Amino acid sequence: MDVGSLFLAIRQHRELAAMSYINLGRFLRYASLLKDDIIQPQPHTISIMAAPDILPPSITSFLSVVAISPESVDALWDITKDLAWAGREMGGKG
């Protein structure tokens, strides 16, 4: 996803449109670091190579610490899951 598409998708959601860039970065970083915790409760038939469509409730709750509602966490995950999933590979040590 290119940056323009990312921000356009975020602007379509009222709460996400008001989210700070710093909190967006935090969300992506936390989600990337939680990759093992996200995949662990998924059915064994789900590939670990692609981000799952749905987050476990505990992860949704944790990610809401970036000052957005759990519903907005789900919406932001839907928009950014591929970026977050690739985060460790892109960031190196993550």
C-alpha atoms as a PDB file:
ATOM      1  CA  MET A   1       0.000   0.000   0.000  1.00  0.00           C
ATOM      2  CA  ASP A   2       1.379   3.396  -0.910  1.00  0.00           C
ATOM      3  CA  VAL A   3       1.312   6.315   1.532  1.00  0.00           C
ATOM      4  CA  GLY A   4      -1.419   8.168  -0.355  1.00  0.00           C
ATOM      5  CA  SER A   5      -3.733   5.157  -0.233  1.00  0.00           C
ATOM      6  CA  LEU A   6      -2.957   4.624   3.445  1.00  0.00           C
ATOM      7  CA  PHE A   7      -3.876   8.173   4.424  1.00  0.00           C
ATOM      8  CA  LEU A   8      -6.919   8.208   2.153  1.00  0.00           C
ATOM      9  CA  ALA A   9      -8.237   5.054   3.840  1.00  0.00           C
ATOM     10  CA  ILE A  10      -7.572   6.518   7.290  1.00  0.00           C
ATOM     11  CA  ARG A  11      -9.358   9.762   6.385  1.00  0.00           C
ATOM     12  CA  GLN A  12     -12.525   7.771   5.616  1.00  0.00           C
ATOM     13  CA  HIS A  13     -12.894   6.905   9.316  1.00  0.00           C
ATOM     14  CA  ARG A  14     -13.822   9.768  11.671  1.00  0.00           C
ATOM     15  CA  GLU A  15     -11.823   8.659  14.713  1.00  0.00           C
ATOM     16  CA  LEU A  16      -8.801   7.539  12.710  1.00  0.00           C
ATOM     17  CA  ALA A  17      -8.745  10.800  10.754  1.00  0.00           C
ATOM     18  CA  ALA A  18      -8.147  12.629  14.053  1.00  0.00           C
ATOM     19  CA  MET A  19      -5.379  10.251  15.136  1.00  0.00           C
ATOM     20  CA  SER A  20      -1.906  11.741  15.436  1.00  0.00           C
ATOM     21  CA  TYR A  21       0.938  10.567  13.215  1.00  0.00           C
ATOM     22  CA  ILE A  22       2.853   9.565  16.357  1.00  0.00           C
ATOM     23  CA  ASN A  23       0.000   7.317  17.483  1.00  0.00           C
ATOM     24  CA  LEU A  24      -0.227   5.783  14.016  1.00  0.00           C
ATOM     25  CA  GLY A  25       3.472   4.967  14.239  1.00  0.00           C
ATOM     26  CA  ARG A  26       3.007   3.508  17.716  1.00  0.00           C
ATOM     27  CA  PHE A  27       0.129   1.355  16.505  1.00  0.00           C
ATOM     28  CA  LEU A  28       2.204  -0.035  13.642  1.00  0.00           C
ATOM     29  CA  ARG A  29       5.204  -0.670  15.878  1.00  0.00           C
ATOM     30  CA  TYR A  30       3.189  -2.362  18.627  1.00  0.00           C
ATOM     31  CA  ALA A  31       1.266  -4.479  16.129  1.00  0.00           C
ATOM     32  CA  SER A  32       4.518  -5.534  14.488  1.00  0.00           C
ATOM     33  CA  LEU A  33       6.057  -6.473  17.833  1.00  0.00           C
ATOM     34  CA  LEU A  34       2.943  -8.461  18.758  1.00  0.00           C
ATOM     35  CA  LYS A  35       3.033 -10.590  15.605  1.00  0.00           C
ATOM     36  CA  ASP A  36       3.651 -13.842  17.522  1.00  0.00           C
ATOM     37  CA  ASP A  37       0.853 -13.019  19.968  1.00  0.00           C
ATOM     38  CA  ILE A  38      -1.507 -12.201  17.100  1.00  0.00           C
ATOM     39  CA  ILE A  39      -0.843 -15.434  15.230  1.00  0.00           C
ATOM     40  CA  GLN A  40      -0.727 -17.766  18.267  1.00  0.00           C
ATOM     41  CA  PRO A  41      -4.522 -18.070  18.859  1.00  0.00           C
ATOM     42  CA  GLN A  42      -5.330 -18.304  15.143  1.00  0.00           C
ATOM     43  CA  PRO A  43      -6.423 -21.649  13.678  1.00  0.00           C
ATOM     44  CA  HIS A  44      -3.494 -23.731  12.450  1.00  0.00           C
ATOM     45  CA  THR A  45      -4.869 -23.423   8.909  1.00  0.00           C
ATOM     46  CA  ILE A  46      -4.070 -19.679   8.873  1.00  0.00           C
ATOM     47  CA  SER A  47      -0.785 -18.882   7.143  1.00  0.00           C
ATOM     48  CA  ILE A  48       1.811 -17.059   9.210  1.00  0.00           C
ATOM     49  CA  MET A  49       3.046 -15.347   6.055  1.00  0.00           C
ATOM     50  CA  ALA A  50       0.022 -13.035   5.838  1.00  0.00           C
ATOM     51  CA  ALA A  51      -1.658 -10.979   8.530  1.00  0.00           C
ATOM     52  CA  PRO A  52      -4.904 -12.465   9.818  1.00  0.00           C
ATOM     53  CA  ASP A  53      -8.068 -10.525   9.061  1.00  0.00           C
ATOM     54  CA  ILE A  54      -9.196 -10.460  12.692  1.00  0.00           C
ATOM     55  CA  LEU A  55      -7.200  -9.614  15.795  1.00  0.00           C
ATOM     56  CA  PRO A  56      -7.626 -11.548  19.048  1.00  0.00           C
ATOM     57  CA  PRO A  57      -9.705  -9.497  21.541  1.00  0.00           C
ATOM     58  CA  SER A  58      -6.762  -9.163  23.945  1.00  0.00           C
ATOM     59  CA  ILE A  59      -4.622  -7.626  21.174  1.00  0.00           C
ATOM     60  CA  THR A  60      -7.423  -5.273  20.139  1.00  0.00           C
ATOM     61  CA  SER A  61      -7.728  -4.133  23.736  1.00  0.00           C
ATOM     62  CA  PHE A  62      -3.969  -3.655  24.088  1.00  0.00           C
ATOM     63  CA  LEU A  63      -3.642  -1.716  20.829  1.00  0.00           C
ATOM     64  CA  SER A  64      -6.373   0.683  21.912  1.00  0.00           C
ATOM     65  CA  VAL A  65      -3.756   2.260  24.224  1.00  0.00           C
ATOM     66  CA  VAL A  66      -2.852   4.511  21.291  1.00  0.00           C
ATOM     67  CA  ALA A  67      -5.975   6.516  22.187  1.00  0.00           C
ATOM     68  CA  ILE A  68      -8.522   4.953  19.858  1.00  0.00           C
ATOM     69  CA  SER A  69     -11.561   2.788  20.523  1.00  0.00           C
ATOM     70  CA  PRO A  70     -11.477  -0.986  20.033  1.00  0.00           C
ATOM     71  CA  GLU A  71     -13.727  -0.540  16.992  1.00  0.00           C
ATOM     72  CA  SER A  72     -11.201   1.854  15.490  1.00  0.00           C
ATOM     73  CA  VAL A  73      -8.389  -0.590  16.260  1.00  0.00           C
ATOM     74  CA  ASP A  74     -10.190  -3.139  14.104  1.00  0.00           C
ATOM     75  CA  ALA A  75     -10.645  -0.583  11.315  1.00  0.00           C
ATOM     76  CA  LEU A  76      -7.002   0.512  11.502  1.00  0.00           C
ATOM     77  CA  TRP A  77      -5.857  -3.119  11.524  1.00  0.00           C
ATOM     78  CA  ASP A  78      -7.854  -3.729   8.361  1.00  0.00           C
ATOM     79  CA  ILE A  79      -6.094  -0.775   6.711  1.00  0.00           C
ATOM     80  CA  THR A  80      -2.555  -1.364   8.006  1.00  0.00           C
ATOM     81  CA  LYS A  81      -2.275  -5.094   8.702  1.00  0.00           C
ATOM     82  CA  ASP A  82       0.028  -5.762   5.757  1.00  0.00           C
ATOM     83  CA  LEU A  83       2.373  -2.937   6.827  1.00  0.00           C
ATOM     84  CA  ALA A  84       2.377  -4.104  10.424  1.00  0.00           C
ATOM     85  CA  TRP A  85       2.982  -7.705   9.385  1.00  0.00           C
ATOM     86  CA  ALA A  86       5.983  -6.721   7.295  1.00  0.00           C
ATOM     87  CA  GLY A  87       7.283  -4.477  10.087  1.00  0.00           C
ATOM     88  CA  ARG A  88       9.809  -6.893  11.545  1.00  0.00           C
ATOM     89  CA  GLU A  89      11.279  -7.691   8.172  1.00  0.00           C
ATOM     90  CA  MET A  90      11.523  -4.005   7.280  1.00  0.00           C
ATOM     91  CA  GLY A  91      12.810  -2.864  10.672  1.00  0.00           C
ATOM     92  CA  GLY A  92      15.431  -5.529  11.191  1.00  0.00           C
ATOM     93  CA  LYS A  93      15.665  -6.025  14.959  1.00  0.00           C
ATOM     94  CA  GLY A  94      11.923  -5.560  15.799  1.00  0.00           C
END
